[in-house]
Amino acid sequence: MKVNSMNNKPLLVRDGKLESQRLILRQWQTSDLPYFAKLNNDPKVMEYFPAQLKDAQSNQLAERLADLIDQKGWGFWALELVQTGEFIGFVGLNAIDKNSTIPNAPFVEIGWRISSEHWGNGYAPEAAKLALSYAFETLMLDCVYSFTSLLNKPSQRVMQKLMMKNTGQDFEHPKLTEGHRLKQHCLYKIDANDWRIKNTLN
């Protein structure tokens, strides 16, 4: 895996990282792999995904995410706790292709996947706010989307905490088979103007 290399892309905040008081979003490291594999094999974490991942699949995913960050300077960053240096998942941005058949594509989505051991601490919305700041203040995007299964109420609550709005454009995920319990998805969105107003009020 390529690690700690941004290929001369602009730095995010410091040393290629985004930081809050409790969290760091950074490039992936080889040491993250066993913890990521454990996360991807956790039935709680993967409840709203088609299947749990085997170690090799998890490692391939991490390498793919690291490569995308190398190429673009942003992506689904590894998430680390400031206090302990512990890897606890990923949060970040991802480009959705115009040929995806997802409504309003092409667009940039925000997403997250966090170890169940760390649920309930507000880490997902805190880290997502860092990613949204990067999307609107550095990438200067007009809007950011997020989508998940209609069954995935926890992720929808995170979207709502971020002041994202349900577009009402429910869709069938193109990569899931007909009749799959997770096929029906909802689509949320936040505009740059709404983000700036929200941050001004805060």
N, C-alpha and C. Protein backbone atom coordinates (compact mmCIF):
# COMPACT_ATOMS: atom_id res chain seq x y z
N MET A 1 0.84 -1.20 0.00
CA MET A 1 0.00 0.00 0.00
C MET A 1 0.87 1.25 0.00
N LYS A 2 0.47 2.24 -0.78
CA LYS A 2 1.14 3.52 -0.75
C LYS A 2 0.63 4.30 0.46
N VAL A 3 1.53 4.74 1.31
CA VAL A 3 1.08 5.44 2.51
C VAL A 3 1.86 6.73 2.70
N ASN A 4 1.18 7.68 3.39
CA ASN A 4 1.81 8.94 3.76
C ASN A 4 2.42 9.67 2.55
N SER A 5 1.76 9.56 1.40
CA SER A 5 2.22 10.25 0.20
C SER A 5 1.06 10.95 -0.44
N MET A 6 1.17 12.24 -0.65
CA MET A 6 0.08 12.98 -1.26
C MET A 6 0.40 13.36 -2.69
N ASN A 7 1.55 12.89 -3.21
CA ASN A 7 1.92 13.16 -4.60
C ASN A 7 1.83 14.64 -4.96
N ASN A 8 2.33 15.50 -4.06
CA ASN A 8 2.36 16.93 -4.29
C ASN A 8 0.99 17.58 -4.39
N LYS A 9 -0.05 16.89 -3.95
CA LYS A 9 -1.38 17.50 -3.89
C LYS A 9 -1.39 18.53 -2.75
N PRO A 10 -2.28 19.53 -2.81
CA PRO A 10 -2.34 20.50 -1.71
C PRO A 10 -2.61 19.81 -0.39
N LEU A 11 -1.97 20.29 0.67
CA LEU A 11 -2.20 19.73 1.99
C LEU A 11 -3.61 20.06 2.46
N LEU A 12 -4.17 19.18 3.26
CA LEU A 12 -5.52 19.39 3.76
C LEU A 12 -5.51 20.45 4.85
N VAL A 13 -4.78 20.22 5.92
CA VAL A 13 -4.61 21.22 6.97
C VAL A 13 -3.15 21.26 7.38
N ARG A 14 -2.66 20.13 7.87
CA ARG A 14 -1.27 20.06 8.30
C ARG A 14 -0.77 18.66 8.06
N ASP A 15 0.33 18.54 7.33
CA ASP A 15 0.91 17.23 7.04
C ASP A 15 -0.10 16.30 6.36
N GLY A 16 -0.94 16.86 5.51
CA GLY A 16 -1.90 16.03 4.77
C GLY A 16 -3.04 15.52 5.62
N LYS A 17 -3.37 16.22 6.71
CA LYS A 17 -4.41 15.74 7.62
C LYS A 17 -5.45 16.83 7.87
N LEU A 18 -6.66 16.38 8.18
CA LEU A 18 -7.71 17.24 8.70
C LEU A 18 -7.88 16.90 10.18
N GLU A 19 -7.97 17.90 11.04
CA GLU A 19 -8.01 17.63 12.47
C GLU A 19 -9.11 18.41 13.17
N SER A 20 -9.76 17.75 14.10
CA SER A 20 -10.65 18.42 15.05
C SER A 20 -10.04 18.20 16.44
N GLN A 21 -10.76 18.60 17.46
CA GLN A 21 -10.23 18.43 18.82
C GLN A 21 -10.02 16.96 19.16
N ARG A 22 -10.89 16.09 18.64
CA ARG A 22 -10.82 14.67 19.02
C ARG A 22 -10.37 13.73 17.90
N LEU A 23 -10.41 14.22 16.65
CA LEU A 23 -10.26 13.31 15.52
C LEU A 23 -9.27 13.81 14.48
N ILE A 24 -8.71 12.85 13.75
CA ILE A 24 -7.81 13.14 12.62
C ILE A 24 -8.30 12.36 11.41
N LEU A 25 -8.42 13.03 10.29
CA LEU A 25 -8.64 12.37 9.00
C LEU A 25 -7.32 12.42 8.24
N ARG A 26 -6.84 11.25 7.82
CA ARG A 26 -5.51 11.17 7.23
C ARG A 26 -5.44 10.10 6.15
N GLN A 27 -4.29 10.04 5.48
CA GLN A 27 -4.04 8.98 4.52
C GLN A 27 -3.92 7.64 5.26
N TRP A 28 -4.22 6.58 4.53
CA TRP A 28 -4.19 5.24 5.11
C TRP A 28 -2.76 4.78 5.36
N GLN A 29 -2.60 3.92 6.39
CA GLN A 29 -1.32 3.32 6.73
C GLN A 29 -1.47 1.81 6.76
N THR A 30 -0.38 1.12 6.50
CA THR A 30 -0.41 -0.34 6.51
C THR A 30 -0.88 -0.88 7.86
N SER A 31 -0.53 -0.18 8.93
CA SER A 31 -0.93 -0.62 10.27
C SER A 31 -2.44 -0.58 10.48
N ASP A 32 -3.18 0.12 9.60
CA ASP A 32 -4.63 0.20 9.72
C ASP A 32 -5.32 -1.10 9.28
N LEU A 33 -4.63 -1.88 8.45
CA LEU A 33 -5.29 -3.00 7.77
C LEU A 33 -5.96 -4.02 8.69
N PRO A 34 -5.30 -4.53 9.72
CA PRO A 34 -5.97 -5.53 10.57
C PRO A 34 -7.19 -4.96 11.29
N TYR A 35 -7.12 -3.70 11.69
CA TYR A 35 -8.26 -3.08 12.37
C TYR A 35 -9.42 -2.84 11.39
N PHE A 36 -9.07 -2.48 10.17
CA PHE A 36 -10.10 -2.29 9.14
C PHE A 36 -10.74 -3.62 8.78
N ALA A 37 -9.96 -4.68 8.73
CA ALA A 37 -10.50 -6.01 8.44
C ALA A 37 -11.47 -6.45 9.54
N LYS A 38 -11.11 -6.18 10.79
CA LYS A 38 -12.01 -6.52 11.90
C LYS A 38 -13.32 -5.75 11.79
N LEU A 39 -13.22 -4.47 11.45
CA LEU A 39 -14.40 -3.63 11.28
C LEU A 39 -15.31 -4.17 10.18
N ASN A 40 -14.70 -4.55 9.05
CA ASN A 40 -15.46 -5.02 7.89
C ASN A 40 -16.03 -6.42 8.06
N ASN A 41 -15.61 -7.10 9.11
CA ASN A 41 -16.15 -8.42 9.42
C ASN A 41 -17.10 -8.39 10.61
N ASP A 42 -17.42 -7.18 11.07
CA ASP A 42 -18.31 -6.99 12.21
C ASP A 42 -19.76 -6.94 11.70
N PRO A 43 -20.61 -7.88 12.09
CA PRO A 43 -21.99 -7.87 11.58
C PRO A 43 -22.77 -6.61 11.95
N LYS A 44 -22.41 -5.95 13.05
CA LYS A 44 -23.08 -4.71 13.41
C LYS A 44 -22.74 -3.61 12.40
N VAL A 45 -21.45 -3.46 12.10
CA VAL A 45 -21.00 -2.44 11.17
C VAL A 45 -21.56 -2.69 9.77
N MET A 46 -21.60 -3.95 9.37
CA MET A 46 -21.96 -4.31 7.99
C MET A 46 -23.43 -4.65 7.82
N GLU A 47 -24.24 -4.33 8.82
CA GLU A 47 -25.67 -4.68 8.76
C GLU A 47 -26.36 -4.12 7.52
N TYR A 48 -25.96 -2.93 7.09
CA TYR A 48 -26.62 -2.28 5.97
C TYR A 48 -25.77 -2.29 4.70
N PHE A 49 -24.83 -3.24 4.65
CA PHE A 49 -24.05 -3.49 3.45
C PHE A 49 -24.38 -4.90 2.96
N PRO A 50 -24.15 -5.17 1.69
CA PRO A 50 -24.55 -6.48 1.13
C PRO A 50 -23.93 -7.68 1.82
N ALA A 51 -22.67 -7.55 2.29
CA ALA A 51 -22.00 -8.69 2.91
C ALA A 51 -20.81 -8.21 3.73
N GLN A 52 -20.42 -9.01 4.72
CA GLN A 52 -19.18 -8.76 5.44
C GLN A 52 -18.02 -9.06 4.50
N LEU A 53 -16.88 -8.44 4.76
CA LEU A 53 -15.72 -8.61 3.89
C LEU A 53 -14.70 -9.55 4.50
N LYS A 54 -14.10 -10.38 3.66
CA LYS A 54 -12.96 -11.18 4.09
C LYS A 54 -11.74 -10.28 4.17
N ASP A 55 -10.71 -10.75 4.86
CA ASP A 55 -9.52 -9.93 5.08
C ASP A 55 -8.94 -9.42 3.76
N ALA A 56 -8.82 -10.29 2.77
CA ALA A 56 -8.24 -9.88 1.49
C ALA A 56 -9.08 -8.80 0.82
N GLN A 57 -10.40 -8.94 0.89
CA GLN A 57 -11.29 -7.93 0.31
C GLN A 57 -11.15 -6.60 1.03
N SER A 58 -11.05 -6.66 2.35
CA SER A 58 -10.88 -5.44 3.15
C SER A 58 -9.57 -4.75 2.82
N ASN A 59 -8.50 -5.52 2.69
CA ASN A 59 -7.19 -4.95 2.34
C ASN A 59 -7.21 -4.30 0.96
N GLN A 60 -7.89 -4.94 0.01
CA GLN A 60 -8.00 -4.39 -1.34
C GLN A 60 -8.77 -3.07 -1.32
N LEU A 61 -9.83 -3.02 -0.51
CA LEU A 61 -10.61 -1.79 -0.40
C LEU A 61 -9.76 -0.67 0.18
N ALA A 62 -9.02 -0.94 1.23
CA ALA A 62 -8.17 0.08 1.84
C ALA A 62 -7.13 0.59 0.85
N GLU A 63 -6.54 -0.31 0.08
CA GLU A 63 -5.54 0.11 -0.90
C GLU A 63 -6.17 0.97 -1.98
N ARG A 64 -7.39 0.61 -2.39
CA ARG A 64 -8.10 1.40 -3.40
C ARG A 64 -8.39 2.81 -2.87
N LEU A 65 -8.81 2.90 -1.62
CA LEU A 65 -9.11 4.20 -1.02
C LEU A 65 -7.85 5.05 -0.88
N ALA A 66 -6.75 4.41 -0.49
CA ALA A 66 -5.46 5.12 -0.38
C ALA A 66 -4.99 5.63 -1.73
N ASP A 67 -5.16 4.81 -2.77
CA ASP A 67 -4.75 5.22 -4.12
C ASP A 67 -5.55 6.42 -4.61
N LEU A 68 -6.85 6.43 -4.30
CA LEU A 68 -7.69 7.56 -4.72
C LEU A 68 -7.26 8.85 -4.03
N ILE A 69 -6.87 8.75 -2.76
CA ILE A 69 -6.37 9.94 -2.05
C ILE A 69 -5.06 10.40 -2.68
N ASP A 70 -4.19 9.45 -3.04
CA ASP A 70 -2.94 9.81 -3.73
C ASP A 70 -3.22 10.54 -5.03
N GLN A 71 -4.23 10.08 -5.77
CA GLN A 71 -4.53 10.65 -7.07
C GLN A 71 -5.17 12.03 -6.98
N LYS A 72 -6.11 12.19 -6.03
CA LYS A 72 -6.91 13.41 -5.97
C LYS A 72 -6.53 14.37 -4.84
N GLY A 73 -5.90 13.82 -3.80
CA GLY A 73 -5.63 14.62 -2.62
C GLY A 73 -6.74 14.58 -1.60
N TRP A 74 -7.81 13.84 -1.89
CA TRP A 74 -8.96 13.70 -0.98
C TRP A 74 -9.66 12.39 -1.28
N GLY A 75 -10.54 11.98 -0.36
CA GLY A 75 -11.25 10.73 -0.55
C GLY A 75 -11.86 10.25 0.76
N PHE A 76 -12.00 8.95 0.90
CA PHE A 76 -12.43 8.37 2.17
C PHE A 76 -11.18 8.22 3.03
N TRP A 77 -10.97 9.20 3.91
CA TRP A 77 -9.77 9.20 4.74
C TRP A 77 -9.89 8.23 5.90
N ALA A 78 -8.76 7.70 6.35
CA ALA A 78 -8.70 6.92 7.58
C ALA A 78 -9.00 7.85 8.75
N LEU A 79 -9.73 7.33 9.74
CA LEU A 79 -10.15 8.12 10.91
C LEU A 79 -9.39 7.64 12.13
N GLU A 80 -8.75 8.58 12.81
CA GLU A 80 -7.90 8.27 13.97
C GLU A 80 -8.31 9.13 15.17
N LEU A 81 -8.26 8.53 16.35
CA LEU A 81 -8.50 9.28 17.57
C LEU A 81 -7.26 10.06 17.97
N VAL A 82 -7.42 11.34 18.25
CA VAL A 82 -6.28 12.18 18.64
C VAL A 82 -5.64 11.67 19.93
N GLN A 83 -6.47 11.32 20.89
CA GLN A 83 -5.96 10.98 22.22
C GLN A 83 -5.12 9.71 22.25
N THR A 84 -5.53 8.72 21.46
CA THR A 84 -4.86 7.42 21.52
C THR A 84 -4.11 7.04 20.25
N GLY A 85 -4.38 7.73 19.13
CA GLY A 85 -3.79 7.34 17.85
C GLY A 85 -4.44 6.12 17.25
N GLU A 86 -5.56 5.70 17.80
CA GLU A 86 -6.24 4.48 17.35
C GLU A 86 -7.00 4.71 16.05
N PHE A 87 -6.86 3.78 15.10
CA PHE A 87 -7.65 3.79 13.88
C PHE A 87 -9.04 3.25 14.20
N ILE A 88 -10.09 4.00 13.79
CA ILE A 88 -11.45 3.56 14.12
C ILE A 88 -12.39 3.51 12.92
N GLY A 89 -11.85 3.69 11.70
CA GLY A 89 -12.72 3.58 10.53
C GLY A 89 -12.34 4.58 9.46
N PHE A 90 -13.34 4.98 8.65
CA PHE A 90 -13.07 6.01 7.65
C PHE A 90 -14.26 6.96 7.54
N VAL A 91 -13.94 8.17 7.12
CA VAL A 91 -14.94 9.21 6.83
C VAL A 91 -14.36 10.05 5.70
N GLY A 92 -15.21 10.47 4.78
CA GLY A 92 -14.67 11.34 3.73
C GLY A 92 -15.57 11.48 2.53
N LEU A 93 -14.94 11.80 1.41
CA LEU A 93 -15.62 12.18 0.18
C LEU A 93 -15.30 11.20 -0.93
N ASN A 94 -16.26 11.04 -1.84
CA ASN A 94 -16.09 10.10 -2.94
C ASN A 94 -16.86 10.61 -4.16
N ALA A 95 -16.24 10.53 -5.33
CA ALA A 95 -16.87 10.99 -6.55
C ALA A 95 -17.75 9.89 -7.13
N ILE A 96 -19.01 10.23 -7.43
CA ILE A 96 -19.96 9.30 -8.05
C ILE A 96 -20.05 9.63 -9.54
N ASP A 97 -19.83 8.64 -10.36
CA ASP A 97 -19.76 8.81 -11.81
C ASP A 97 -21.13 9.12 -12.41
N LYS A 98 -21.12 9.86 -13.50
CA LYS A 98 -22.37 10.22 -14.17
C LYS A 98 -23.11 9.01 -14.72
N ASN A 99 -22.39 7.91 -14.94
CA ASN A 99 -23.01 6.70 -15.46
C ASN A 99 -23.51 5.76 -14.37
N SER A 100 -23.51 6.20 -13.13
CA SER A 100 -23.88 5.34 -12.01
C SER A 100 -25.38 5.04 -11.97
N THR A 101 -26.18 5.85 -12.64
CA THR A 101 -27.66 5.80 -12.66
C THR A 101 -28.26 6.29 -11.33
N ILE A 102 -27.44 6.78 -10.42
CA ILE A 102 -27.94 7.37 -9.18
C ILE A 102 -28.45 8.78 -9.50
N PRO A 103 -29.59 9.19 -8.97
CA PRO A 103 -30.13 10.51 -9.29
C PRO A 103 -29.12 11.64 -9.04
N ASN A 104 -29.09 12.59 -9.98
CA ASN A 104 -28.28 13.82 -9.91
C ASN A 104 -26.78 13.59 -10.13
N ALA A 105 -26.37 12.36 -10.40
CA ALA A 105 -24.95 12.11 -10.69
C ALA A 105 -24.58 12.79 -12.02
N PRO A 106 -23.33 13.27 -12.15
CA PRO A 106 -22.20 13.08 -11.23
C PRO A 106 -22.27 14.03 -10.04
N PHE A 107 -21.75 13.55 -8.91
CA PHE A 107 -21.66 14.39 -7.73
C PHE A 107 -20.62 13.81 -6.78
N VAL A 108 -20.33 14.55 -5.72
CA VAL A 108 -19.44 14.07 -4.66
C VAL A 108 -20.31 13.70 -3.46
N GLU A 109 -20.09 12.51 -2.96
CA GLU A 109 -20.83 12.04 -1.78
C GLU A 109 -19.94 12.12 -0.55
N ILE A 110 -20.58 12.17 0.61
CA ILE A 110 -19.88 12.01 1.87
C ILE A 110 -20.34 10.71 2.50
N GLY A 111 -19.39 9.97 3.09
CA GLY A 111 -19.74 8.67 3.69
C GLY A 111 -18.85 8.37 4.88
N TRP A 112 -19.21 7.31 5.60
CA TRP A 112 -18.48 6.95 6.83
C TRP A 112 -18.68 5.47 7.13
N ARG A 113 -17.74 4.92 7.83
CA ARG A 113 -17.83 3.54 8.35
C ARG A 113 -16.94 3.50 9.58
N ILE A 114 -17.55 3.30 10.74
CA ILE A 114 -16.83 3.42 12.02
C ILE A 114 -17.02 2.18 12.86
N SER A 115 -15.98 1.77 13.55
CA SER A 115 -16.01 0.61 14.43
C SER A 115 -17.16 0.72 15.42
N SER A 116 -17.88 -0.38 15.59
CA SER A 116 -19.03 -0.37 16.50
C SER A 116 -18.62 -0.11 17.94
N GLU A 117 -17.36 -0.38 18.27
CA GLU A 117 -16.86 -0.11 19.62
C GLU A 117 -16.86 1.38 19.94
N HIS A 118 -16.94 2.21 18.90
CA HIS A 118 -16.87 3.65 19.09
C HIS A 118 -18.15 4.37 18.69
N TRP A 119 -19.23 3.62 18.51
CA TRP A 119 -20.51 4.26 18.25
C TRP A 119 -21.00 5.00 19.49
N GLY A 120 -21.82 6.00 19.26
CA GLY A 120 -22.43 6.71 20.37
C GLY A 120 -21.60 7.84 20.94
N ASN A 121 -20.45 8.12 20.31
CA ASN A 121 -19.58 9.19 20.79
C ASN A 121 -19.61 10.44 19.91
N GLY A 122 -20.44 10.41 18.88
CA GLY A 122 -20.54 11.57 17.99
C GLY A 122 -19.38 11.71 17.02
N TYR A 123 -18.62 10.63 16.81
CA TYR A 123 -17.46 10.72 15.94
C TYR A 123 -17.85 10.88 14.46
N ALA A 124 -18.90 10.21 14.02
CA ALA A 124 -19.29 10.29 12.61
C ALA A 124 -19.64 11.71 12.20
N PRO A 125 -20.56 12.40 12.90
CA PRO A 125 -20.85 13.78 12.49
C PRO A 125 -19.67 14.73 12.68
N GLU A 126 -18.87 14.51 13.72
CA GLU A 126 -17.71 15.40 13.94
C GLU A 126 -16.71 15.29 12.80
N ALA A 127 -16.41 14.06 12.40
CA ALA A 127 -15.47 13.86 11.30
C ALA A 127 -16.08 14.30 9.97
N ALA A 128 -17.38 14.05 9.81
CA ALA A 128 -18.05 14.44 8.57
C ALA A 128 -18.03 15.96 8.39
N LYS A 129 -18.10 16.70 9.48
CA LYS A 129 -18.03 18.16 9.39
C LYS A 129 -16.67 18.60 8.86
N LEU A 130 -15.61 17.90 9.25
CA LEU A 130 -14.29 18.19 8.69
C LEU A 130 -14.28 17.97 7.19
N ALA A 131 -14.85 16.85 6.76
CA ALA A 131 -14.89 16.53 5.34
C ALA A 131 -15.73 17.54 4.56
N LEU A 132 -16.86 17.96 5.14
CA LEU A 132 -17.70 18.96 4.47
C LEU A 132 -16.99 20.31 4.38
N SER A 133 -16.26 20.67 5.42
CA SER A 133 -15.48 21.92 5.36
C SER A 133 -14.49 21.87 4.21
N TYR A 134 -13.85 20.72 4.04
CA TYR A 134 -12.91 20.57 2.93
C TYR A 134 -13.63 20.66 1.59
N ALA A 135 -14.80 20.01 1.51
CA ALA A 135 -15.56 20.01 0.26
C ALA A 135 -15.96 21.42 -0.16
N PHE A 136 -16.40 22.23 0.81
CA PHE A 136 -16.93 23.55 0.47
C PHE A 136 -15.88 24.66 0.50
N GLU A 137 -14.87 24.52 1.34
CA GLU A 137 -13.89 25.59 1.50
C GLU A 137 -12.62 25.38 0.68
N THR A 138 -12.31 24.13 0.36
CA THR A 138 -11.12 23.84 -0.44
C THR A 138 -11.48 23.43 -1.86
N LEU A 139 -12.36 22.45 -1.98
CA LEU A 139 -12.79 22.01 -3.31
C LEU A 139 -13.80 22.97 -3.94
N MET A 140 -14.41 23.82 -3.11
CA MET A 140 -15.38 24.81 -3.57
C MET A 140 -16.54 24.16 -4.32
N LEU A 141 -17.03 23.05 -3.78
CA LEU A 141 -18.17 22.37 -4.38
C LEU A 141 -19.46 23.15 -4.11
N ASP A 142 -20.42 23.01 -5.01
CA ASP A 142 -21.72 23.66 -4.84
C ASP A 142 -22.61 22.88 -3.87
N CYS A 143 -22.42 21.56 -3.83
CA CYS A 143 -23.23 20.71 -2.96
C CYS A 143 -22.55 19.38 -2.74
N VAL A 144 -22.99 18.67 -1.72
CA VAL A 144 -22.50 17.32 -1.41
C VAL A 144 -23.71 16.46 -1.11
N TYR A 145 -23.67 15.21 -1.57
CA TYR A 145 -24.76 14.27 -1.37
C TYR A 145 -24.34 13.14 -0.44
N SER A 146 -25.32 12.41 0.05
CA SER A 146 -25.07 11.17 0.78
C SER A 146 -26.26 10.25 0.55
N PHE A 147 -26.00 8.96 0.49
CA PHE A 147 -27.10 8.02 0.28
C PHE A 147 -26.88 6.75 1.07
N THR A 148 -27.98 6.10 1.40
CA THR A 148 -27.92 4.85 2.15
C THR A 148 -29.23 4.11 1.97
N SER A 149 -29.26 2.89 2.43
CA SER A 149 -30.49 2.11 2.39
C SER A 149 -31.58 2.79 3.21
N LEU A 150 -32.82 2.65 2.75
CA LEU A 150 -33.95 3.18 3.52
C LEU A 150 -34.01 2.56 4.91
N LEU A 151 -33.44 1.38 5.08
CA LEU A 151 -33.46 0.69 6.37
C LEU A 151 -32.42 1.25 7.34
N ASN A 152 -31.44 1.97 6.80
CA ASN A 152 -30.32 2.41 7.61
C ASN A 152 -30.64 3.73 8.32
N LYS A 153 -31.44 3.64 9.36
CA LYS A 153 -31.83 4.83 10.11
C LYS A 153 -30.66 5.50 10.83
N PRO A 154 -29.68 4.75 11.37
CA PRO A 154 -28.55 5.41 12.04
C PRO A 154 -27.79 6.37 11.12
N SER A 155 -27.51 5.93 9.88
CA SER A 155 -26.79 6.81 8.96
C SER A 155 -27.65 8.00 8.56
N GLN A 156 -28.94 7.78 8.41
CA GLN A 156 -29.82 8.90 8.08
C GLN A 156 -29.83 9.93 9.21
N ARG A 157 -29.72 9.47 10.46
CA ARG A 157 -29.67 10.41 11.58
C ARG A 157 -28.40 11.25 11.53
N VAL A 158 -27.30 10.64 11.11
CA VAL A 158 -26.05 11.40 10.96
C VAL A 158 -26.24 12.47 9.89
N MET A 159 -26.83 12.09 8.76
CA MET A 159 -27.08 13.06 7.69
C MET A 159 -27.91 14.23 8.20
N GLN A 160 -28.92 13.93 8.99
CA GLN A 160 -29.79 14.98 9.53
C GLN A 160 -29.04 15.87 10.51
N LYS A 161 -28.14 15.29 11.30
CA LYS A 161 -27.32 16.08 12.23
C LYS A 161 -26.41 17.04 11.47
N LEU A 162 -26.04 16.66 10.25
CA LEU A 162 -25.20 17.50 9.40
C LEU A 162 -26.02 18.56 8.67
N MET A 163 -27.34 18.60 8.94
CA MET A 163 -28.26 19.53 8.30
C MET A 163 -28.45 19.23 6.82
N MET A 164 -28.19 17.96 6.44
CA MET A 164 -28.49 17.53 5.08
C MET A 164 -29.99 17.31 4.95
N LYS A 165 -30.51 17.53 3.76
CA LYS A 165 -31.94 17.41 3.52
C LYS A 165 -32.23 16.23 2.59
N ASN A 166 -33.29 15.50 2.92
CA ASN A 166 -33.73 14.40 2.08
C ASN A 166 -34.29 14.98 0.78
N THR A 167 -33.73 14.57 -0.35
CA THR A 167 -34.18 15.11 -1.64
C THR A 167 -35.52 14.52 -2.07
N GLY A 168 -35.92 13.41 -1.43
CA GLY A 168 -37.14 12.72 -1.85
C GLY A 168 -36.95 11.90 -3.11
N GLN A 169 -35.70 11.77 -3.56
CA GLN A 169 -35.41 11.04 -4.80
C GLN A 169 -34.95 9.62 -4.47
N ASP A 170 -35.81 8.85 -3.82
CA ASP A 170 -35.46 7.46 -3.51
C ASP A 170 -35.16 6.71 -4.80
N PHE A 171 -34.22 5.77 -4.72
CA PHE A 171 -33.81 5.05 -5.93
C PHE A 171 -33.39 3.63 -5.58
N GLU A 172 -33.33 2.79 -6.58
CA GLU A 172 -32.85 1.42 -6.42
C GLU A 172 -31.36 1.39 -6.72
N HIS A 173 -30.58 0.91 -5.75
CA HIS A 173 -29.14 0.90 -5.94
C HIS A 173 -28.78 -0.04 -7.10
N PRO A 174 -28.07 0.48 -8.10
CA PRO A 174 -27.80 -0.32 -9.31
C PRO A 174 -26.91 -1.55 -9.09
N LYS A 175 -26.16 -1.59 -7.99
CA LYS A 175 -25.25 -2.72 -7.76
C LYS A 175 -25.88 -3.83 -6.93
N LEU A 176 -27.13 -3.63 -6.51
CA LEU A 176 -27.82 -4.66 -5.73
C LEU A 176 -28.87 -5.35 -6.58
N THR A 177 -29.02 -6.65 -6.35
CA THR A 177 -29.93 -7.45 -7.18
C THR A 177 -31.39 -7.11 -6.87
N GLU A 178 -32.24 -7.39 -7.83
CA GLU A 178 -33.67 -7.14 -7.66
C GLU A 178 -34.20 -7.93 -6.47
N GLY A 179 -34.96 -7.26 -5.61
CA GLY A 179 -35.52 -7.92 -4.45
C GLY A 179 -34.62 -7.92 -3.23
N HIS A 180 -33.37 -7.43 -3.37
CA HIS A 180 -32.47 -7.37 -2.20
C HIS A 180 -33.06 -6.43 -1.16
N ARG A 181 -32.96 -6.80 0.10
CA ARG A 181 -33.60 -6.03 1.17
C ARG A 181 -33.04 -4.60 1.28
N LEU A 182 -31.81 -4.36 0.77
CA LEU A 182 -31.18 -3.05 0.87
C LEU A 182 -31.28 -2.23 -0.42
N LYS A 183 -31.97 -2.75 -1.42
CA LYS A 183 -31.93 -2.12 -2.75
C LYS A 183 -32.50 -0.70 -2.75
N GLN A 184 -33.54 -0.44 -1.99
CA GLN A 184 -34.15 0.88 -1.97
C GLN A 184 -33.31 1.85 -1.14
N HIS A 185 -32.88 2.93 -1.77
CA HIS A 185 -32.02 3.92 -1.11
C HIS A 185 -32.66 5.30 -1.09
N CYS A 186 -32.26 6.10 -0.10
CA CYS A 186 -32.65 7.51 -0.04
C CYS A 186 -31.42 8.36 -0.37
N LEU A 187 -31.67 9.59 -0.77
CA LEU A 187 -30.61 10.49 -1.20
C LEU A 187 -30.74 11.82 -0.45
N TYR A 188 -29.68 12.17 0.28
CA TYR A 188 -29.65 13.43 1.03
C TYR A 188 -28.66 14.40 0.38
N LYS A 189 -28.84 15.69 0.68
CA LYS A 189 -28.02 16.72 0.03
C LYS A 189 -27.84 17.91 0.97
N ILE A 190 -26.68 18.55 0.87
CA ILE A 190 -26.46 19.84 1.52
C ILE A 190 -25.79 20.77 0.53
N ASP A 191 -26.30 22.00 0.41
CA ASP A 191 -25.73 23.01 -0.47
C ASP A 191 -24.66 23.81 0.25
N ALA A 192 -23.74 24.38 -0.52
CA ALA A 192 -22.68 25.19 0.05
C ALA A 192 -23.26 26.38 0.83
N ASN A 193 -24.29 27.01 0.31
CA ASN A 193 -24.88 28.16 0.99
C ASN A 193 -25.46 27.76 2.34
N ASP A 194 -26.16 26.62 2.37
CA ASP A 194 -26.73 26.14 3.64
C ASP A 194 -25.62 25.83 4.63
N TRP A 195 -24.52 25.25 4.14
CA TRP A 195 -23.40 24.94 5.00
C TRP A 195 -22.80 26.21 5.61
N ARG A 196 -22.64 27.23 4.79
CA ARG A 196 -22.05 28.48 5.28
C ARG A 196 -22.97 29.17 6.28
N ILE A 197 -24.28 29.15 6.02
CA ILE A 197 -25.22 29.75 6.95
C ILE A 197 -25.18 29.01 8.28
N LYS A 198 -25.15 27.67 8.21
CA LYS A 198 -25.11 26.84 9.42
C LYS A 198 -23.87 27.17 10.25
N ASN A 199 -22.73 27.34 9.57
CA ASN A 199 -21.49 27.60 10.30
C ASN A 199 -21.43 29.02 10.82
N THR A 200 -22.10 29.94 10.14
CA THR A 200 -22.17 31.32 10.64
C THR A 200 -22.99 31.37 11.93
N LEU A 201 -24.08 30.61 11.95
CA LEU A 201 -24.94 30.58 13.13
C LEU A 201 -24.25 29.90 14.31
N ASN A 202 -23.39 28.91 13.98
CA ASN A 202 -22.67 28.22 15.05
C ASN A 202 -21.49 29.04 15.57
